[in-house]
Amino acid sequence: MKDQNEYLNVKADDFEDAVTFLTKVKGAYSHDEGRYKSFVDIINRVNIDKNFVEAYTEVCNLFHDRRDLIVGFTKFLPVADKNDA
């Protein structure tokens, strides 16, 4: 079984921020557990396929009513290398 740090695919320094963010998402949608589960599914897929653009698009659609959660999610996305442009 994976530990939470591996599950979230974040550095140890960001672990607390990731847990705080997940708690915020769960609280925001406490009335709609399906949205939280959908978010967890997106995270699981991105940890496997590394398709960050698709994950970002899905999260934007899922959190369309909560810009703060979209912005919070972007903190955990990799920054594009300037040489890739």
N, C-alpha and C. Protein backbone atom coordinates (compact mmCIF):
# COMPACT_ATOMS: atom_id res chain seq x y z
N MET A 1 0.85 -1.19 0.00
CA MET A 1 0.00 0.00 0.00
C MET A 1 0.89 1.24 0.00
N LYS A 2 0.51 2.24 -0.84
CA LYS A 2 1.30 3.45 -0.94
C LYS A 2 1.06 4.34 0.27
N ASP A 3 2.12 5.04 0.72
CA ASP A 3 1.89 6.02 1.77
C ASP A 3 1.32 7.29 1.12
N GLN A 4 0.79 8.21 1.93
CA GLN A 4 0.14 9.39 1.37
C GLN A 4 1.09 10.23 0.54
N ASN A 5 2.33 10.33 0.93
CA ASN A 5 3.29 11.15 0.20
C ASN A 5 3.47 10.62 -1.22
N GLU A 6 3.61 9.33 -1.37
CA GLU A 6 3.76 8.74 -2.69
C GLU A 6 2.46 8.89 -3.47
N TYR A 7 1.34 8.70 -2.82
CA TYR A 7 0.03 8.81 -3.45
C TYR A 7 -0.17 10.19 -4.07
N LEU A 8 0.25 11.23 -3.39
CA LEU A 8 0.06 12.59 -3.87
C LEU A 8 1.16 13.03 -4.83
N ASN A 9 2.22 12.26 -4.92
CA ASN A 9 3.33 12.55 -5.83
C ASN A 9 3.90 13.94 -5.57
N VAL A 10 4.19 14.24 -4.32
CA VAL A 10 4.76 15.52 -3.97
C VAL A 10 6.03 15.32 -3.16
N LYS A 11 6.86 16.36 -3.12
CA LYS A 11 8.06 16.32 -2.30
C LYS A 11 7.66 16.38 -0.83
N ALA A 12 8.53 15.89 0.01
CA ALA A 12 8.25 15.88 1.45
C ALA A 12 7.94 17.28 1.97
N ASP A 13 8.63 18.29 1.44
CA ASP A 13 8.40 19.67 1.87
C ASP A 13 6.98 20.13 1.56
N ASP A 14 6.38 19.59 0.53
CA ASP A 14 5.04 19.99 0.10
C ASP A 14 3.94 19.10 0.67
N PHE A 15 4.32 18.09 1.42
CA PHE A 15 3.34 17.12 1.91
C PHE A 15 2.25 17.79 2.73
N GLU A 16 2.62 18.63 3.67
CA GLU A 16 1.64 19.29 4.52
C GLU A 16 0.70 20.17 3.69
N ASP A 17 1.26 20.89 2.70
CA ASP A 17 0.42 21.71 1.83
C ASP A 17 -0.56 20.84 1.03
N ALA A 18 -0.11 19.69 0.58
CA ALA A 18 -0.97 18.80 -0.19
C ALA A 18 -2.11 18.27 0.66
N VAL A 19 -1.80 17.87 1.88
CA VAL A 19 -2.84 17.37 2.78
C VAL A 19 -3.83 18.48 3.10
N THR A 20 -3.33 19.68 3.34
CA THR A 20 -4.20 20.82 3.61
C THR A 20 -5.10 21.10 2.42
N PHE A 21 -4.54 21.01 1.22
CA PHE A 21 -5.35 21.25 0.02
C PHE A 21 -6.42 20.18 -0.15
N LEU A 22 -6.05 18.93 0.03
CA LEU A 22 -7.05 17.86 -0.07
C LEU A 22 -8.18 18.05 0.95
N THR A 23 -7.83 18.46 2.14
CA THR A 23 -8.82 18.73 3.17
C THR A 23 -9.73 19.88 2.76
N LYS A 24 -9.16 20.90 2.14
CA LYS A 24 -9.94 22.04 1.67
C LYS A 24 -10.93 21.59 0.58
N VAL A 25 -10.45 20.77 -0.36
CA VAL A 25 -11.33 20.27 -1.42
C VAL A 25 -12.46 19.44 -0.83
N LYS A 26 -12.11 18.55 0.08
CA LYS A 26 -13.13 17.69 0.69
C LYS A 26 -14.16 18.54 1.44
N GLY A 27 -13.71 19.56 2.14
CA GLY A 27 -14.63 20.44 2.86
C GLY A 27 -15.51 21.26 1.92
N ALA A 28 -14.93 21.70 0.83
CA ALA A 28 -15.67 22.51 -0.13
C ALA A 28 -16.82 21.73 -0.76
N TYR A 29 -16.61 20.44 -0.90
CA TYR A 29 -17.62 19.61 -1.55
C TYR A 29 -18.17 18.54 -0.59
N SER A 30 -18.28 18.90 0.68
CA SER A 30 -18.80 17.95 1.66
C SER A 30 -20.24 17.56 1.34
N HIS A 31 -20.93 18.42 0.64
CA HIS A 31 -22.31 18.16 0.23
C HIS A 31 -22.38 17.36 -1.08
N ASP A 32 -21.21 17.18 -1.73
CA ASP A 32 -21.15 16.52 -3.04
C ASP A 32 -19.90 15.64 -3.09
N GLU A 33 -19.96 14.51 -2.39
CA GLU A 33 -18.80 13.63 -2.28
C GLU A 33 -18.31 13.13 -3.64
N GLY A 34 -19.19 13.09 -4.62
CA GLY A 34 -18.82 12.66 -5.96
C GLY A 34 -17.76 13.54 -6.58
N ARG A 35 -17.83 14.84 -6.30
CA ARG A 35 -16.82 15.74 -6.86
C ARG A 35 -15.46 15.48 -6.23
N TYR A 36 -15.44 15.26 -4.92
CA TYR A 36 -14.17 14.96 -4.26
C TYR A 36 -13.59 13.66 -4.82
N LYS A 37 -14.43 12.65 -4.98
CA LYS A 37 -13.95 11.37 -5.53
C LYS A 37 -13.46 11.54 -6.96
N SER A 38 -14.12 12.39 -7.74
CA SER A 38 -13.66 12.66 -9.11
C SER A 38 -12.29 13.31 -9.09
N PHE A 39 -12.08 14.22 -8.14
CA PHE A 39 -10.78 14.87 -8.01
C PHE A 39 -9.70 13.85 -7.68
N VAL A 40 -9.98 12.97 -6.75
CA VAL A 40 -9.02 11.93 -6.39
C VAL A 40 -8.72 11.04 -7.61
N ASP A 41 -9.73 10.72 -8.40
CA ASP A 41 -9.52 9.94 -9.62
C ASP A 41 -8.59 10.66 -10.59
N ILE A 42 -8.77 11.97 -10.74
CA ILE A 42 -7.89 12.76 -11.61
C ILE A 42 -6.46 12.68 -11.12
N ILE A 43 -6.27 12.83 -9.81
CA ILE A 43 -4.92 12.76 -9.22
C ILE A 43 -4.31 11.38 -9.46
N ASN A 44 -5.10 10.34 -9.29
CA ASN A 44 -4.59 8.99 -9.53
C ASN A 44 -4.13 8.83 -10.98
N ARG A 45 -4.92 9.33 -11.91
CA ARG A 45 -4.56 9.20 -13.34
C ARG A 45 -3.32 10.00 -13.68
N VAL A 46 -3.22 11.22 -13.17
CA VAL A 46 -2.07 12.05 -13.51
C VAL A 46 -0.79 11.46 -12.92
N ASN A 47 -0.88 10.79 -11.79
CA ASN A 47 0.30 10.13 -11.22
C ASN A 47 0.78 8.99 -12.10
N ILE A 48 -0.11 8.42 -12.89
CA ILE A 48 0.25 7.32 -13.77
C ILE A 48 0.68 7.83 -15.14
N ASP A 49 -0.16 8.66 -15.77
CA ASP A 49 0.10 9.02 -17.17
C ASP A 49 0.85 10.34 -17.34
N LYS A 50 0.99 11.13 -16.30
CA LYS A 50 1.72 12.40 -16.32
C LYS A 50 1.17 13.40 -17.32
N ASN A 51 -0.12 13.28 -17.66
CA ASN A 51 -0.75 14.22 -18.58
C ASN A 51 -1.31 15.39 -17.77
N PHE A 52 -0.42 16.35 -17.50
CA PHE A 52 -0.78 17.46 -16.63
C PHE A 52 -1.76 18.43 -17.28
N VAL A 53 -1.66 18.59 -18.60
CA VAL A 53 -2.59 19.48 -19.31
C VAL A 53 -4.01 18.94 -19.20
N GLU A 54 -4.17 17.65 -19.45
CA GLU A 54 -5.49 17.04 -19.34
C GLU A 54 -6.02 17.13 -17.90
N ALA A 55 -5.16 16.87 -16.94
CA ALA A 55 -5.58 16.94 -15.53
C ALA A 55 -6.02 18.36 -15.17
N TYR A 56 -5.27 19.35 -15.62
CA TYR A 56 -5.62 20.74 -15.33
C TYR A 56 -6.99 21.08 -15.95
N THR A 57 -7.21 20.66 -17.17
CA THR A 57 -8.49 20.91 -17.85
C THR A 57 -9.64 20.25 -17.08
N GLU A 58 -9.44 19.01 -16.66
CA GLU A 58 -10.48 18.31 -15.91
C GLU A 58 -10.76 18.98 -14.57
N VAL A 59 -9.71 19.42 -13.90
CA VAL A 59 -9.88 20.09 -12.60
C VAL A 59 -10.60 21.42 -12.80
N CYS A 60 -10.27 22.15 -13.86
CA CYS A 60 -10.98 23.41 -14.14
C CYS A 60 -12.46 23.16 -14.35
N ASN A 61 -12.80 22.13 -15.07
CA ASN A 61 -14.20 21.79 -15.29
C ASN A 61 -14.88 21.35 -13.99
N LEU A 62 -14.18 20.55 -13.21
CA LEU A 62 -14.73 20.03 -11.96
C LEU A 62 -14.95 21.14 -10.93
N PHE A 63 -13.99 22.06 -10.85
CA PHE A 63 -14.02 23.14 -9.86
C PHE A 63 -14.48 24.46 -10.48
N HIS A 64 -15.29 24.40 -11.50
CA HIS A 64 -15.69 25.61 -12.22
C HIS A 64 -16.29 26.68 -11.31
N ASP A 65 -16.82 26.28 -10.19
CA ASP A 65 -17.44 27.21 -9.26
C ASP A 65 -16.52 27.64 -8.12
N ARG A 66 -15.29 27.17 -8.15
CA ARG A 66 -14.35 27.47 -7.07
C ARG A 66 -12.97 27.80 -7.64
N ARG A 67 -12.82 29.03 -8.07
CA ARG A 67 -11.55 29.48 -8.65
C ARG A 67 -10.39 29.28 -7.67
N ASP A 68 -10.65 29.46 -6.38
CA ASP A 68 -9.60 29.30 -5.38
C ASP A 68 -9.02 27.88 -5.39
N LEU A 69 -9.87 26.89 -5.66
CA LEU A 69 -9.38 25.51 -5.72
C LEU A 69 -8.57 25.27 -6.99
N ILE A 70 -8.97 25.89 -8.07
CA ILE A 70 -8.20 25.77 -9.32
C ILE A 70 -6.81 26.36 -9.11
N VAL A 71 -6.77 27.55 -8.54
CA VAL A 71 -5.48 28.20 -8.28
C VAL A 71 -4.65 27.35 -7.32
N GLY A 72 -5.28 26.82 -6.28
CA GLY A 72 -4.57 25.96 -5.34
C GLY A 72 -3.99 24.72 -5.99
N PHE A 73 -4.75 24.14 -6.92
CA PHE A 73 -4.28 22.95 -7.62
C PHE A 73 -3.04 23.23 -8.46
N THR A 74 -2.97 24.42 -9.06
CA THR A 74 -1.83 24.73 -9.94
C THR A 74 -0.49 24.71 -9.19
N LYS A 75 -0.54 24.91 -7.88
CA LYS A 75 0.70 24.87 -7.09
C LYS A 75 1.40 23.51 -7.19
N PHE A 76 0.62 22.48 -7.44
CA PHE A 76 1.17 21.12 -7.46
C PHE A 76 1.54 20.64 -8.87
N LEU A 77 1.33 21.50 -9.87
CA LEU A 77 1.71 21.13 -11.24
C LEU A 77 3.16 21.49 -11.49
N PRO A 78 3.83 20.72 -12.32
CA PRO A 78 5.23 21.04 -12.62
C PRO A 78 5.32 22.33 -13.43
N VAL A 79 6.39 23.06 -13.24
CA VAL A 79 6.63 24.28 -14.01
C VAL A 79 7.34 23.87 -15.28
N ALA A 80 6.84 24.37 -16.42
CA ALA A 80 7.46 24.03 -17.71
C ALA A 80 8.86 24.60 -17.77
N ASP A 81 9.76 23.83 -18.33
CA ASP A 81 11.13 24.24 -18.53
C ASP A 81 11.15 25.27 -19.66
N LYS A 82 11.84 26.40 -19.48
CA LYS A 82 11.91 27.44 -20.50
C LYS A 82 12.51 26.91 -21.80
N ASN A 83 13.35 25.90 -21.72
CA ASN A 83 13.96 25.33 -22.92
C ASN A 83 13.00 24.49 -23.72
N ASP A 84 11.84 24.14 -23.12
CA ASP A 84 10.84 23.34 -23.83
C ASP A 84 9.99 24.19 -24.76
N ALA A 85 10.04 25.50 -24.59
CA ALA A 85 9.19 26.40 -25.38
C ALA A 85 9.68 26.54 -26.79
